[in-house]
Amino acid sequence: FAARYAAASVAKPDAHQIRIGRLRVSGTDAAIDRSVDRVLKET
């Protein structure tokens, strides 16, 4: 597994290369949703 993980890190070393589907779930605390959105953006 260590080799597989190293290969994945080399293949996409930058977050801009990774497409993230953002799922919103009803009933989520607004502060938690904001934290998730902020982290995805800042990364």
PDB file of all heavy atoms in Angstrom:
ATOM      1  N   PHE A   1       0.813  -1.210   0.000  1.00  0.00           N
ATOM      2  CA  PHE A   1       0.000   0.000   0.000  1.00  0.00           C
ATOM      3  C   PHE A   1       0.848   1.263   0.000  1.00  0.00           C
ATOM      4  O   PHE A   1       0.485   2.263  -0.630  1.00  0.00           O
ATOM      5  CB  PHE A   1      -0.963   0.042   1.188  1.00  0.00           C
ATOM      6  CG  PHE A   1      -1.828   1.267   1.173  1.00  0.00           C
ATOM      7  CD1 PHE A   1      -2.959   1.308   0.370  1.00  0.00           C
ATOM      8  CD2 PHE A   1      -1.500   2.390   1.922  1.00  0.00           C
ATOM      9  CE1 PHE A   1      -3.743   2.457   0.313  1.00  0.00           C
ATOM     10  CE2 PHE A   1      -2.274   3.536   1.876  1.00  0.00           C
ATOM     11  CZ  PHE A   1      -3.407   3.565   1.067  1.00  0.00           C
ATOM     12  N   ALA A   2       1.977   1.253   0.687  1.00  0.00           N
ATOM     13  CA  ALA A   2       2.819   2.452   0.754  1.00  0.00           C
ATOM     14  C   ALA A   2       3.213   2.911  -0.646  1.00  0.00           C
ATOM     15  O   ALA A   2       3.227   4.122  -0.939  1.00  0.00           O
ATOM     16  CB  ALA A   2       4.067   2.183   1.599  1.00  0.00           C
ATOM     17  N   ALA A   3       3.504   1.973  -1.530  1.00  0.00           N
ATOM     18  CA  ALA A   3       3.866   2.326  -2.910  1.00  0.00           C
ATOM     19  C   ALA A   3       2.659   2.894  -3.651  1.00  0.00           C
ATOM     20  O   ALA A   3       2.796   3.856  -4.432  1.00  0.00           O
ATOM     21  CB  ALA A   3       4.409   1.103  -3.634  1.00  0.00           C
ATOM     22  N   ARG A   4       1.485   2.341  -3.423  1.00  0.00           N
ATOM     23  CA  ARG A   4       0.274   2.855  -4.067  1.00  0.00           C
ATOM     24  C   ARG A   4      -0.014   4.280  -3.604  1.00  0.00           C
ATOM     25  O   ARG A   4      -0.393   5.147  -4.396  1.00  0.00           O
ATOM     26  CB  ARG A   4      -0.927   1.968  -3.757  1.00  0.00           C
ATOM     27  CG  ARG A   4      -0.894   0.593  -4.407  1.00  0.00           C
ATOM     28  CD  ARG A   4      -2.144  -0.194  -4.046  1.00  0.00           C
ATOM     29  NE  ARG A   4      -3.342   0.480  -4.529  1.00  0.00           N
ATOM     30  CZ  ARG A   4      -4.515   0.468  -3.922  1.00  0.00           C
ATOM     31  NH1 ARG A   4      -4.648  -0.165  -2.763  1.00  0.00           N
ATOM     32  NH2 ARG A   4      -5.554   1.099  -4.436  1.00  0.00           N
ATOM     33  N   TYR A   5       0.167   4.533  -2.316  1.00  0.00           N
ATOM     34  CA  TYR A   5      -0.060   5.875  -1.769  1.00  0.00           C
ATOM     35  C   TYR A   5       0.965   6.868  -2.317  1.00  0.00           C
ATOM     36  O   TYR A   5       0.616   7.993  -2.716  1.00  0.00           O
ATOM     37  CB  TYR A   5      -0.002   5.820  -0.244  1.00  0.00           C
ATOM     38  CG  TYR A   5      -0.082   7.164   0.436  1.00  0.00           C
ATOM     39  CD1 TYR A   5      -1.046   8.107   0.069  1.00  0.00           C
ATOM     40  CD2 TYR A   5       0.805   7.497   1.456  1.00  0.00           C
ATOM     41  CE1 TYR A   5      -1.116   9.331   0.713  1.00  0.00           C
ATOM     42  CE2 TYR A   5       0.735   8.721   2.106  1.00  0.00           C
ATOM     43  CZ  TYR A   5      -0.232   9.634   1.730  1.00  0.00           C
ATOM     44  OH  TYR A   5      -0.297  10.849   2.357  1.00  0.00           O
ATOM     45  N   ALA A   6       2.218   6.452  -2.383  1.00  0.00           N
ATOM     46  CA  ALA A   6       3.253   7.334  -2.941  1.00  0.00           C
ATOM     47  C   ALA A   6       2.947   7.672  -4.394  1.00  0.00           C
ATOM     48  O   ALA A   6       3.106   8.820  -4.828  1.00  0.00           O
ATOM     49  CB  ALA A   6       4.617   6.666  -2.816  1.00  0.00           C
ATOM     50  N   ALA A   7       2.483   6.691  -5.158  1.00  0.00           N
ATOM     51  CA  ALA A   7       2.158   6.926  -6.571  1.00  0.00           C
ATOM     52  C   ALA A   7       1.003   7.906  -6.713  1.00  0.00           C
ATOM     53  O   ALA A   7       1.008   8.782  -7.592  1.00  0.00           O
ATOM     54  CB  ALA A   7       1.820   5.608  -7.252  1.00  0.00           C
ATOM     55  N   ALA A   8      -0.007   7.787  -5.851  1.00  0.00           N
ATOM     56  CA  ALA A   8      -1.146   8.706  -5.901  1.00  0.00           C
ATOM     57  C   ALA A   8      -0.713  10.130  -5.566  1.00  0.00           C
ATOM     58  O   ALA A   8      -1.189  11.103  -6.168  1.00  0.00           O
ATOM     59  CB  ALA A   8      -2.232   8.245  -4.936  1.00  0.00           C
ATOM     60  N   SER A   9       0.205  10.268  -4.617  1.00  0.00           N
ATOM     61  CA  SER A   9       0.696  11.595  -4.232  1.00  0.00           C
ATOM     62  C   SER A   9       1.508  12.231  -5.343  1.00  0.00           C
ATOM     63  O   SER A   9       1.459  13.448  -5.551  1.00  0.00           O
ATOM     64  CB  SER A   9       1.529  11.483  -2.950  1.00  0.00           C
ATOM     65  OG  SER A   9       0.767  10.927  -1.898  1.00  0.00           O
ATOM     66  N   VAL A  10       2.266  11.417  -6.083  1.00  0.00           N
ATOM     67  CA  VAL A  10       3.057  11.929  -7.213  1.00  0.00           C
ATOM     68  C   VAL A  10       2.148  12.270  -8.385  1.00  0.00           C
ATOM     69  O   VAL A  10       2.342  13.282  -9.070  1.00  0.00           O
ATOM     70  CB  VAL A  10       4.119  10.884  -7.627  1.00  0.00           C
ATOM     71  CG1 VAL A  10       4.767  11.275  -8.953  1.00  0.00           C
ATOM     72  CG2 VAL A  10       5.169  10.737  -6.532  1.00  0.00           C
ATOM     73  N   ALA A  11       1.133  11.454  -8.603  1.00  0.00           N
ATOM     74  CA  ALA A  11       0.238  11.675  -9.737  1.00  0.00           C
ATOM     75  C   ALA A  11      -0.555  12.975  -9.598  1.00  0.00           C
ATOM     76  O   ALA A  11      -0.778  13.687 -10.590  1.00  0.00           O
ATOM     77  CB  ALA A  11      -0.723  10.498  -9.883  1.00  0.00           C
ATOM     78  N   LYS A  12      -0.968  13.299  -8.366  1.00  0.00           N
ATOM     79  CA  LYS A  12      -1.744  14.530  -8.146  1.00  0.00           C
ATOM     80  C   LYS A  12      -1.203  15.243  -6.906  1.00  0.00           C
ATOM     81  O   LYS A  12      -1.790  15.195  -5.826  1.00  0.00           O
ATOM     82  CB  LYS A  12      -3.230  14.203  -8.001  1.00  0.00           C
ATOM     83  CG  LYS A  12      -3.840  13.687  -9.308  1.00  0.00           C
ATOM     84  CD  LYS A  12      -5.347  13.608  -9.263  1.00  0.00           C
ATOM     85  CE  LYS A  12      -5.882  13.178 -10.636  1.00  0.00           C
ATOM     86  NZ  LYS A  12      -7.354  13.044 -10.652  1.00  0.00           N
ATOM     87  N   PRO A  13      -0.079  15.929  -7.082  1.00  0.00           N
ATOM     88  CA  PRO A  13       0.539  16.612  -5.950  1.00  0.00           C
ATOM     89  C   PRO A  13      -0.137  17.931  -5.590  1.00  0.00           C
ATOM     90  O   PRO A  13       0.178  18.532  -4.569  1.00  0.00           O
ATOM     91  CB  PRO A  13       1.972  16.862  -6.434  1.00  0.00           C
ATOM     92  CG  PRO A  13       1.835  17.000  -7.919  1.00  0.00           C
ATOM     93  CD  PRO A  13       0.741  16.045  -8.312  1.00  0.00           C
ATOM     94  N   ASP A  14      -1.053  18.381  -6.441  1.00  0.00           N
ATOM     95  CA  ASP A  14      -1.708  19.676  -6.273  1.00  0.00           C
ATOM     96  C   ASP A  14      -3.217  19.479  -6.216  1.00  0.00           C
ATOM     97  O   ASP A  14      -3.793  18.763  -7.045  1.00  0.00           O
ATOM     98  CB  ASP A  14      -1.336  20.593  -7.446  1.00  0.00           C
ATOM     99  CG  ASP A  14      -1.726  22.034  -7.193  1.00  0.00           C
ATOM    100  OD1 ASP A  14      -2.907  22.288  -6.929  1.00  0.00           O
ATOM    101  OD2 ASP A  14      -0.842  22.912  -7.288  1.00  0.00           O
ATOM    102  N   ALA A  15      -3.865  20.144  -5.264  1.00  0.00           N
ATOM    103  CA  ALA A  15      -5.309  19.998  -5.099  1.00  0.00           C
ATOM    104  C   ALA A  15      -6.093  20.485  -6.311  1.00  0.00           C
ATOM    105  O   ALA A  15      -7.216  20.040  -6.548  1.00  0.00           O
ATOM    106  CB  ALA A  15      -5.774  20.738  -3.847  1.00  0.00           C
ATOM    107  N   HIS A  16      -5.510  21.415  -7.086  1.00  0.00           N
ATOM    108  CA  HIS A  16      -6.209  21.923  -8.277  1.00  0.00           C
ATOM    109  C   HIS A  16      -6.469  20.827  -9.308  1.00  0.00           C
ATOM    110  O   HIS A  16      -7.323  20.989 -10.180  1.00  0.00           O
ATOM    111  CB  HIS A  16      -5.391  23.055  -8.919  1.00  0.00           C
ATOM    112  CG  HIS A  16      -5.349  24.296  -8.085  1.00  0.00           C
ATOM    113  ND1 HIS A  16      -4.361  24.532  -7.167  1.00  0.00           N
ATOM    114  CD2 HIS A  16      -6.200  25.362  -8.018  1.00  0.00           C
ATOM    115  CE1 HIS A  16      -4.574  25.705  -6.576  1.00  0.00           C
ATOM    116  NE2 HIS A  16      -5.679  26.227  -7.067  1.00  0.00           N
ATOM    117  N   GLN A  17      -5.747  19.729  -9.199  1.00  0.00           N
ATOM    118  CA  GLN A  17      -5.927  18.622 -10.134  1.00  0.00           C
ATOM    119  C   GLN A  17      -7.057  17.678  -9.725  1.00  0.00           C
ATOM    120  O   GLN A  17      -7.390  16.756 -10.470  1.00  0.00           O
ATOM    121  CB  GLN A  17      -4.621  17.815 -10.231  1.00  0.00           C
ATOM    122  CG  GLN A  17      -3.424  18.611 -10.704  1.00  0.00           C
ATOM    123  CD  GLN A  17      -2.139  17.825 -10.528  1.00  0.00           C
ATOM    124  OE1 GLN A  17      -1.569  17.739  -9.441  1.00  0.00           O
ATOM    125  NE2 GLN A  17      -1.699  17.203 -11.613  1.00  0.00           N
ATOM    126  N   ILE A  18      -7.638  17.910  -8.554  1.00  0.00           N
ATOM    127  CA  ILE A  18      -8.608  16.959  -7.992  1.00  0.00           C
ATOM    128  C   ILE A  18     -10.004  17.566  -8.000  1.00  0.00           C
ATOM    129  O   ILE A  18     -10.234  18.645  -7.439  1.00  0.00           O
ATOM    130  CB  ILE A  18      -8.203  16.565  -6.561  1.00  0.00           C
ATOM    131  CG1 ILE A  18      -6.794  15.933  -6.570  1.00  0.00           C
ATOM    132  CG2 ILE A  18      -9.226  15.597  -5.969  1.00  0.00           C
ATOM    133  CD1 ILE A  18      -6.236  15.650  -5.193  1.00  0.00           C
ATOM    134  N   ARG A  19     -10.942  16.857  -8.630  1.00  0.00           N
ATOM    135  CA  ARG A  19     -12.339  17.305  -8.693  1.00  0.00           C
ATOM    136  C   ARG A  19     -13.100  16.722  -7.506  1.00  0.00           C
ATOM    137  O   ARG A  19     -13.153  15.513  -7.330  1.00  0.00           O
ATOM    138  CB  ARG A  19     -12.994  16.849  -9.995  1.00  0.00           C
ATOM    139  CG  ARG A  19     -12.310  17.342 -11.261  1.00  0.00           C
ATOM    140  CD  ARG A  19     -12.822  16.572 -12.471  1.00  0.00           C
ATOM    141  NE  ARG A  19     -12.527  15.142 -12.342  1.00  0.00           N
ATOM    142  CZ  ARG A  19     -13.057  14.192 -13.114  1.00  0.00           C
ATOM    143  NH1 ARG A  19     -13.941  14.514 -14.063  1.00  0.00           N
ATOM    144  NH2 ARG A  19     -12.736  12.916 -12.932  1.00  0.00           N
ATOM    145  N   ILE A  20     -13.699  17.611  -6.724  1.00  0.00           N
ATOM    146  CA  ILE A  20     -14.429  17.209  -5.528  1.00  0.00           C
ATOM    147  C   ILE A  20     -15.913  17.481  -5.727  1.00  0.00           C
ATOM    148  O   ILE A  20     -16.335  18.609  -5.967  1.00  0.00           O
ATOM    149  CB  ILE A  20     -13.946  17.982  -4.282  1.00  0.00           C
ATOM    150  CG1 ILE A  20     -12.462  17.719  -4.021  1.00  0.00           C
ATOM    151  CG2 ILE A  20     -14.805  17.624  -3.071  1.00  0.00           C
ATOM    152  CD1 ILE A  20     -12.148  16.313  -3.576  1.00  0.00           C
ATOM    153  N   GLY A  21     -16.721  16.439  -5.628  1.00  0.00           N
ATOM    154  CA  GLY A  21     -18.169  16.609  -5.635  1.00  0.00           C
ATOM    155  C   GLY A  21     -18.637  16.956  -4.232  1.00  0.00           C
ATOM    156  O   GLY A  21     -18.484  16.155  -3.307  1.00  0.00           O
ATOM    157  N   ARG A  22     -19.191  18.151  -4.060  1.00  0.00           N
ATOM    158  CA  ARG A  22     -19.616  18.613  -2.724  1.00  0.00           C
ATOM    159  C   ARG A  22     -21.062  18.204  -2.477  1.00  0.00           C
ATOM    160  O   ARG A  22     -21.986  18.647  -3.162  1.00  0.00           O
ATOM    161  CB  ARG A  22     -19.454  20.133  -2.628  1.00  0.00           C
ATOM    162  CG  ARG A  22     -19.988  20.758  -1.342  1.00  0.00           C
ATOM    163  CD  ARG A  22     -19.186  20.325  -0.119  1.00  0.00           C
ATOM    164  NE  ARG A  22     -19.439  21.215   1.015  1.00  0.00           N
ATOM    165  CZ  ARG A  22     -20.280  20.936   2.014  1.00  0.00           C
ATOM    166  NH1 ARG A  22     -20.939  19.789   2.022  1.00  0.00           N
ATOM    167  NH2 ARG A  22     -20.446  21.797   3.001  1.00  0.00           N
ATOM    168  N   LEU A  23     -21.251  17.352  -1.485  1.00  0.00           N
ATOM    169  CA  LEU A  23     -22.583  16.896  -1.107  1.00  0.00           C
ATOM    170  C   LEU A  23     -23.042  17.661   0.122  1.00  0.00           C
ATOM    171  O   LEU A  23     -22.321  17.737   1.117  1.00  0.00           O
ATOM    172  CB  LEU A  23     -22.556  15.391  -0.809  1.00  0.00           C
ATOM    173  CG  LEU A  23     -23.846  14.779  -0.258  1.00  0.00           C
ATOM    174  CD1 LEU A  23     -24.994  14.945  -1.249  1.00  0.00           C
ATOM    175  CD2 LEU A  23     -23.634  13.313   0.091  1.00  0.00           C
ATOM    176  N   ARG A  24     -24.233  18.215   0.043  1.00  0.00           N
ATOM    177  CA  ARG A  24     -24.841  18.890   1.196  1.00  0.00           C
ATOM    178  C   ARG A  24     -25.960  18.015   1.746  1.00  0.00           C
ATOM    179  O   ARG A  24     -26.784  17.512   0.991  1.00  0.00           O
ATOM    180  CB  ARG A  24     -25.360  20.270   0.802  1.00  0.00           C
ATOM    181  CG  ARG A  24     -24.234  21.188   0.345  1.00  0.00           C
ATOM    182  CD  ARG A  24     -24.660  22.629   0.126  1.00  0.00           C
ATOM    183  NE  ARG A  24     -23.514  23.397  -0.312  1.00  0.00           N
ATOM    184  CZ  ARG A  24     -22.585  23.910   0.488  1.00  0.00           C
ATOM    185  NH1 ARG A  24     -22.704  23.757   1.806  1.00  0.00           N
ATOM    186  NH2 ARG A  24     -21.562  24.577   0.006  1.00  0.00           N
ATOM    187  N   VAL A  25     -25.954  17.874   3.064  1.00  0.00           N
ATOM    188  CA  VAL A  25     -26.919  17.006   3.728  1.00  0.00           C
ATOM    189  C   VAL A  25     -27.775  17.852   4.654  1.00  0.00           C
ATOM    190  O   VAL A  25     -27.247  18.637   5.459  1.00  0.00           O
ATOM    191  CB  VAL A  25     -26.209  15.893   4.522  1.00  0.00           C
ATOM    192  CG1 VAL A  25     -27.219  14.967   5.176  1.00  0.00           C
ATOM    193  CG2 VAL A  25     -25.269  15.107   3.613  1.00  0.00           C
ATOM    194  N   SER A  26     -29.084  17.724   4.540  1.00  0.00           N
ATOM    195  CA  SER A  26     -29.989  18.525   5.364  1.00  0.00           C
ATOM    196  C   SER A  26     -29.773  18.229   6.841  1.00  0.00           C
ATOM    197  O   SER A  26     -29.439  17.112   7.230  1.00  0.00           O
ATOM    198  CB  SER A  26     -31.443  18.237   4.984  1.00  0.00           C
ATOM    199  OG  SER A  26     -31.754  16.874   5.226  1.00  0.00           O
ATOM    200  N   GLY A  27     -29.943  19.265   7.652  1.00  0.00           N
ATOM    201  CA  GLY A  27     -29.767  19.135   9.089  1.00  0.00           C
ATOM    202  C   GLY A  27     -28.363  19.373   9.580  1.00  0.00           C
ATOM    203  O   GLY A  27     -28.100  19.249  10.779  1.00  0.00           O
ATOM    204  N   THR A  28     -27.449  19.726   8.672  1.00  0.00           N
ATOM    205  CA  THR A  28     -26.058  19.955   9.073  1.00  0.00           C
ATOM    206  C   THR A  28     -25.909  21.318   9.737  1.00  0.00           C
ATOM    207  O   THR A  28     -26.456  22.321   9.269  1.00  0.00           O
ATOM    208  CB  THR A  28     -25.128  19.881   7.850  1.00  0.00           C
ATOM    209  OG1 THR A  28     -25.266  18.599   7.234  1.00  0.00           O
ATOM    210  CG2 THR A  28     -23.678  20.084   8.258  1.00  0.00           C
ATOM    211  N   ASP A  29     -25.168  21.354  10.824  1.00  0.00           N
ATOM    212  CA  ASP A  29     -24.842  22.597  11.511  1.00  0.00           C
ATOM    213  C   ASP A  29     -24.176  23.555  10.517  1.00  0.00           C
ATOM    214  O   ASP A  29     -23.231  23.184   9.819  1.00  0.00           O
ATOM    215  CB  ASP A  29     -23.892  22.278  12.671  1.00  0.00           C
ATOM    216  CG  ASP A  29     -23.583  23.462  13.550  1.00  0.00           C
ATOM    217  OD1 ASP A  29     -23.098  24.481  13.028  1.00  0.00           O
ATOM    218  OD2 ASP A  29     -23.805  23.364  14.773  1.00  0.00           O
ATOM    219  N   ALA A  30     -24.669  24.796  10.461  1.00  0.00           N
ATOM    220  CA  ALA A  30     -24.163  25.763   9.478  1.00  0.00           C
ATOM    221  C   ALA A  30     -22.671  26.026   9.651  1.00  0.00           C
ATOM    222  O   ALA A  30     -21.946  26.208   8.663  1.00  0.00           O
ATOM    223  CB  ALA A  30     -24.942  27.073   9.586  1.00  0.00           C
ATOM    224  N   ALA A  31     -22.196  26.024  10.894  1.00  0.00           N
ATOM    225  CA  ALA A  31     -20.768  26.271  11.131  1.00  0.00           C
ATOM    226  C   ALA A  31     -19.913  25.141  10.557  1.00  0.00           C
ATOM    227  O   ALA A  31     -18.807  25.373  10.047  1.00  0.00           O
ATOM    228  CB  ALA A  31     -20.500  26.423  12.626  1.00  0.00           C
ATOM    229  N   ILE A  32     -20.415  23.925  10.618  1.00  0.00           N
ATOM    230  CA  ILE A  32     -19.679  22.791  10.059  1.00  0.00           C
ATOM    231  C   ILE A  32     -19.650  22.872   8.540  1.00  0.00           C
ATOM    232  O   ILE A  32     -18.599  22.664   7.911  1.00  0.00           O
ATOM    233  CB  ILE A  32     -20.289  21.462  10.547  1.00  0.00           C
ATOM    234  CG1 ILE A  32     -20.001  21.296  12.034  1.00  0.00           C
ATOM    235  CG2 ILE A  32     -19.735  20.283   9.753  1.00  0.00           C
ATOM    236  CD1 ILE A  32     -20.596  20.048  12.649  1.00  0.00           C
ATOM    237  N   ASP A  33     -20.784  23.185   7.921  1.00  0.00           N
ATOM    238  CA  ASP A  33     -20.798  23.353   6.465  1.00  0.00           C
ATOM    239  C   ASP A  33     -19.836  24.453   6.026  1.00  0.00           C
ATOM    240  O   ASP A  33     -19.120  24.311   5.033  1.00  0.00           O
ATOM    241  CB  ASP A  33     -22.217  23.667   5.976  1.00  0.00           C
ATOM    242  CG  ASP A  33     -22.942  22.443   5.433  1.00  0.00           C
ATOM    243  OD1 ASP A  33     -22.266  21.465   5.062  1.00  0.00           O
ATOM    244  OD2 ASP A  33     -24.183  22.472   5.378  1.00  0.00           O
ATOM    245  N   ARG A  34     -19.809  25.549   6.770  1.00  0.00           N
ATOM    246  CA  ARG A  34     -18.888  26.641   6.423  1.00  0.00           C
ATOM    247  C   ARG A  34     -17.438  26.186   6.538  1.00  0.00           C
ATOM    248  O   ARG A  34     -16.595  26.537   5.701  1.00  0.00           O
ATOM    249  CB  ARG A  34     -19.137  27.854   7.325  1.00  0.00           C
ATOM    250  CG  ARG A  34     -20.409  28.630   7.009  1.00  0.00           C
ATOM    251  CD  ARG A  34     -20.408  29.981   7.684  1.00  0.00           C
ATOM    252  NE  ARG A  34     -20.409  29.879   9.136  1.00  0.00           N
ATOM    253  CZ  ARG A  34     -21.502  29.827   9.895  1.00  0.00           C
ATOM    254  NH1 ARG A  34     -22.712  29.876   9.325  1.00  0.00           N
ATOM    255  NH2 ARG A  34     -21.423  29.751  11.209  1.00  0.00           N
ATOM    256  N   SER A  35     -17.130  25.409   7.563  1.00  0.00           N
ATOM    257  CA  SER A  35     -15.762  24.914   7.737  1.00  0.00           C
ATOM    258  C   SER A  35     -15.358  24.008   6.581  1.00  0.00           C
ATOM    259  O   SER A  35     -14.242  24.116   6.050  1.00  0.00           O
ATOM    260  CB  SER A  35     -15.641  24.149   9.062  1.00  0.00           C
ATOM    261  OG  SER A  35     -15.759  25.022  10.158  1.00  0.00           O
ATOM    262  N   VAL A  36     -16.251  23.119   6.180  1.00  0.00           N
ATOM    263  CA  VAL A  36     -15.951  22.233   5.050  1.00  0.00           C
ATOM    264  C   VAL A  36     -15.715  23.043   3.788  1.00  0.00           C
ATOM    265  O   VAL A  36     -14.730  22.831   3.056  1.00  0.00           O
ATOM    266  CB  VAL A  36     -17.091  21.214   4.854  1.00  0.00           C
ATOM    267  CG1 VAL A  36     -16.931  20.473   3.519  1.00  0.00           C
ATOM    268  CG2 VAL A  36     -17.118  20.213   6.004  1.00  0.00           C
ATOM    269  N   ASP A  37     -16.591  23.999   3.512  1.00  0.00           N
ATOM    270  CA  ASP A  37     -16.440  24.818   2.303  1.00  0.00           C
ATOM    271  C   ASP A  37     -15.146  25.627   2.335  1.00  0.00           C
ATOM    272  O   ASP A  37     -14.446  25.739   1.320  1.00  0.00           O
ATOM    273  CB  ASP A  37     -17.641  25.760   2.152  1.00  0.00           C
ATOM    274  CG  ASP A  37     -18.926  25.028   1.816  1.00  0.00           C
ATOM    275  OD1 ASP A  37     -18.854  23.926   1.247  1.00  0.00           O
ATOM    276  OD2 ASP A  37     -20.008  25.559   2.131  1.00  0.00           O
ATOM    277  N   ARG A  38     -14.818  26.174   3.498  1.00  0.00           N
ATOM    278  CA  ARG A  38     -13.601  26.988   3.621  1.00  0.00           C
ATOM    279  C   ARG A  38     -12.360  26.131   3.377  1.00  0.00           C
ATOM    280  O   ARG A  38     -11.436  26.536   2.655  1.00  0.00           O
ATOM    281  CB  ARG A  38     -13.550  27.622   5.008  1.00  0.00           C
ATOM    282  CG  ARG A  38     -12.336  28.522   5.239  1.00  0.00           C
ATOM    283  CD  ARG A  38     -12.460  29.303   6.539  1.00  0.00           C
ATOM    284  NE  ARG A  38     -12.626  28.433   7.693  1.00  0.00           N
ATOM    285  CZ  ARG A  38     -13.735  28.305   8.395  1.00  0.00           C
ATOM    286  NH1 ARG A  38     -14.821  28.992   8.054  1.00  0.00           N
ATOM    287  NH2 ARG A  38     -13.795  27.498   9.442  1.00  0.00           N
ATOM    288  N   VAL A  39     -12.338  24.932   3.948  1.00  0.00           N
ATOM    289  CA  VAL A  39     -11.173  24.057   3.798  1.00  0.00           C
ATOM    290  C   VAL A  39     -11.015  23.598   2.357  1.00  0.00           C
ATOM    291  O   VAL A  39      -9.897  23.579   1.811  1.00  0.00           O
ATOM    292  CB  VAL A  39     -11.288  22.862   4.761  1.00  0.00           C
ATOM    293  CG1 VAL A  39     -10.305  21.764   4.379  1.00  0.00           C
ATOM    294  CG2 VAL A  39     -11.053  23.318   6.188  1.00  0.00           C
ATOM    295  N   LEU A  40     -12.106  23.236   1.710  1.00  0.00           N
ATOM    296  CA  LEU A  40     -12.023  22.824   0.304  1.00  0.00           C
ATOM    297  C   LEU A  40     -11.492  23.956  -0.565  1.00  0.00           C
ATOM    298  O   LEU A  40     -10.667  23.743  -1.469  1.00  0.00           O
ATOM    299  CB  LEU A  40     -13.399  22.371  -0.194  1.00  0.00           C
ATOM    300  CG  LEU A  40     -13.969  21.101   0.449  1.00  0.00           C
ATOM    301  CD1 LEU A  40     -15.377  20.838  -0.076  1.00  0.00           C
ATOM    302  CD2 LEU A  40     -13.077  19.895   0.197  1.00  0.00           C
ATOM    303  N   LYS A  41     -11.941  25.173  -0.286  1.00  0.00           N
ATOM    304  CA  LYS A  41     -11.485  26.335  -1.059  1.00  0.00           C
ATOM    305  C   LYS A  41     -10.020  26.655  -0.781  1.00  0.00           C
ATOM    306  O   LYS A  41      -9.228  26.864  -1.711  1.00  0.00           O
ATOM    307  CB  LYS A  41     -12.356  27.551  -0.732  1.00  0.00           C
ATOM    308  CG  LYS A  41     -11.976  28.800  -1.505  1.00  0.00           C
ATOM    309  CD  LYS A  41     -12.892  29.972  -1.158  1.00  0.00           C
ATOM    310  CE  LYS A  41     -12.503  31.226  -1.924  1.00  0.00           C
ATOM    311  NZ  LYS A  41     -13.400  32.378  -1.565  1.00  0.00           N
ATOM    312  N   GLU A  42      -9.642  26.673   0.492  1.00  0.00           N
ATOM    313  CA  GLU A  42      -8.270  27.042   0.847  1.00  0.00           C
ATOM    314  C   GLU A  42      -7.264  25.987   0.392  1.00  0.00           C
ATOM    315  O   GLU A  42      -6.111  26.314   0.098  1.00  0.00           O
ATOM    316  CB  GLU A  42      -8.170  27.271   2.359  1.00  0.00           C
ATOM    317  CG  GLU A  42      -8.916  28.520   2.814  1.00  0.00           C
ATOM    318  CD  GLU A  42      -8.793  28.770   4.309  1.00  0.00           C
ATOM    319  OE1 GLU A  42      -8.013  28.044   4.980  1.00  0.00           O
ATOM    320  OE2 GLU A  42      -9.469  29.675   4.810  1.00  0.00           O
ATOM    321  N   THR A  43      -7.703  24.736   0.346  1.00  0.00           N
ATOM    322  CA  THR A  43      -6.807  23.686  -0.149  1.00  0.00           C
ATOM    323  C   THR A  43      -6.631  23.781  -1.655  1.00  0.00           C
ATOM    324  O   THR A  43      -5.575  23.413  -2.185  1.00  0.00           O
ATOM    325  CB  THR A  43      -7.344  22.289   0.235  1.00  0.00           C
ATOM    326  OG1 THR A  43      -7.579  22.254   1.644  1.00  0.00           O
ATOM    327  CG2 THR A  43      -6.351  21.198  -0.123  1.00  0.00           C
TER     328      THR A  43
END
